[in-house]
Protein backbone atom coordinates (compact mmCIF):
# COMPACT_ATOMS: atom_id res chain seq x y z
CA MET A 1 -7.56 -10.95 17.62
CA SER A 2 -4.24 -11.01 19.05
CA ALA A 3 -1.90 -7.92 18.71
CA PRO A 4 0.03 -8.06 15.19
CA VAL A 5 3.96 -8.19 15.10
CA LEU A 6 4.74 -4.56 13.81
CA ASN A 7 8.28 -5.47 12.24
CA HIS A 8 8.16 -3.58 8.86
CA LEU A 9 8.64 0.01 8.50
CA LEU A 10 6.57 1.32 5.58
CA ILE A 11 6.38 4.58 3.92
CA LEU A 12 2.77 5.79 3.04
CA GLU A 13 2.90 7.68 -0.23
CA GLU A 14 0.07 9.62 -2.30
CA GLY A 15 0.09 10.15 -5.99
CA GLN A 16 -0.08 13.80 -7.25
CA ARG A 17 -0.39 14.84 -10.71
CA VAL A 18 2.21 17.56 -11.94
CA ASP A 19 2.00 19.42 -15.19
CA ASP A 20 4.61 18.27 -17.50
CA GLY A 21 4.91 21.32 -19.46
CA ALA A 22 3.79 20.01 -22.71
CA GLY A 23 -0.05 19.80 -22.06
CA GLY A 24 -0.07 16.43 -20.02
CA ALA A 25 0.91 15.51 -16.56
CA ASP A 26 3.08 13.17 -14.83
CA LEU A 27 2.37 11.30 -11.73
CA THR A 28 4.69 11.97 -8.70
CA TRP A 29 4.47 10.13 -5.26
CA VAL A 30 4.71 12.31 -2.26
CA GLU A 31 5.57 10.83 1.26
CA ARG A 32 2.62 11.25 3.61
CA GLY A 33 3.95 9.29 6.63
CA ARG A 34 5.53 6.08 7.95
CA LEU A 35 4.12 3.44 9.77
CA TRP A 36 4.97 -0.01 11.34
CA ALA A 37 3.32 -3.06 10.04
CA GLU A 38 2.70 -6.71 10.05
CA MET A 39 2.69 -8.12 6.55
CA ARG A 40 1.27 -11.52 5.39
CA PRO A 41 1.33 -12.54 1.80
CA GLY A 42 -1.80 -13.92 0.19
CA THR A 43 -2.25 -15.51 -3.39
CA GLY A 44 -0.28 -14.72 -6.27
CA ARG A 45 -0.70 -14.53 -10.32
CA GLU A 46 1.23 -13.98 -13.20
CA ARG A 47 0.45 -12.21 -16.47
CA ALA A 48 2.34 -11.08 -19.56
CA ALA A 49 2.97 -7.47 -20.36
CA GLN A 50 4.98 -6.31 -23.42
CA GLU A 51 7.54 -9.09 -23.44
CA LEU A 52 7.86 -9.37 -19.65
CA ALA A 53 6.19 -11.50 -17.13
CA LEU A 54 4.64 -9.75 -14.22
CA SER A 55 3.82 -11.30 -11.27
CA ARG A 56 1.16 -9.84 -8.72
CA VAL A 57 1.02 -10.90 -4.95
CA ALA A 58 -1.85 -10.00 -2.68
CA TRP A 59 -0.74 -8.73 0.93
CA ILE A 60 -2.54 -8.13 3.96
CA ILE A 61 -0.96 -5.70 5.96
CA THR A 62 -2.09 -4.80 9.59
CA THR A 63 -1.10 -1.74 11.23
CA ARG A 64 -2.15 0.65 14.09
CA ALA A 65 -5.70 2.38 13.49
CA ALA A 66 -6.24 6.04 12.69
CA PRO A 67 -9.61 7.95 12.56
CA PRO A 68 -11.40 7.87 9.18
CA ASP A 69 -10.72 11.75 8.74
CA SER A 70 -6.95 11.52 9.61
CA PRO A 71 -4.44 12.08 7.00
CA ALA A 72 -2.27 9.19 8.47
CA ARG A 73 -5.01 6.70 7.80
CA PRO A 74 -3.83 4.90 4.45
CA ARG A 75 -6.54 4.84 1.81
CA ALA A 76 -7.21 3.15 -1.48
CA HIS A 77 -5.29 4.40 -4.40
CA GLN A 78 -2.31 5.56 -2.28
CA ARG A 79 0.67 3.02 -2.02
CA LEU A 80 3.12 1.82 0.78
CA ARG A 81 6.87 1.59 0.05
CA GLU A 82 9.59 -0.66 1.79
CA GLY A 83 12.75 0.17 0.01
CA SER A 84 12.21 -0.59 -3.73
CA ARG A 85 9.21 -2.69 -3.04
CA ILE A 86 5.64 -0.98 -3.99
CA PHE A 87 2.55 -2.14 -2.44
CA HIS A 88 -0.69 -0.60 -4.10
CA ILE A 89 -3.35 0.00 -1.54
CA LEU A 90 -6.71 -1.57 -2.74
CA ALA A 91 -8.70 -1.40 0.64
CA VAL A 92 -8.64 -0.48 4.05
CA ALA A 93 -10.94 -1.77 7.02
CA GLU A 94 -10.83 -2.01 10.67
CA ALA A 95 -9.30 -5.16 11.75
CA ASP A 96 -11.07 -5.70 15.07
CA THR A 97 -14.36 -4.61 16.64
CA ARG A 98 -12.60 -2.16 19.01
CA ALA A 99 -10.88 -0.14 15.95
CA ARG A 100 -7.36 -0.69 17.15
CA TRP A 101 -5.98 -2.26 13.85
CA LEU A 102 -6.44 -1.56 10.23
CA ARG A 103 -6.32 -4.19 7.76
CA ILE A 104 -5.08 -2.89 4.40
CA HIS A 105 -5.51 -5.16 1.25
CA ALA A 106 -2.63 -4.37 -0.96
CA GLU A 107 -1.11 -5.94 -4.05
CA GLU A 108 2.64 -5.93 -5.12
CA GLU A 109 3.64 -5.89 -8.63
CA VAL A 110 6.82 -7.64 -9.46
CA VAL A 111 8.67 -8.15 -12.82
CA ALA A 112 9.78 -11.79 -13.27
């Protein structure tokens, strides 16, 4: 594997439930770190949702590796943000046999 071109600065966020004071909870996103990454689009699909068309695009995001127990390592159910764009992390695995890079499978949802 050749070295990826890390030209996107992404913010790693984790969801936390916060009591809403009415017996429920709100989900807020807390920054866990920033990482440089290479992003490659995958396939997309569209679906309807409450009078809106939602497009979902799969992304393969490559970044520097972090040990499995490191809080800097992205995990499924976290998300990456680039400005107003949100990428929901579906899975994370080592991208090479020497464990220098991580491959993140993510999905971006866009209102069309």
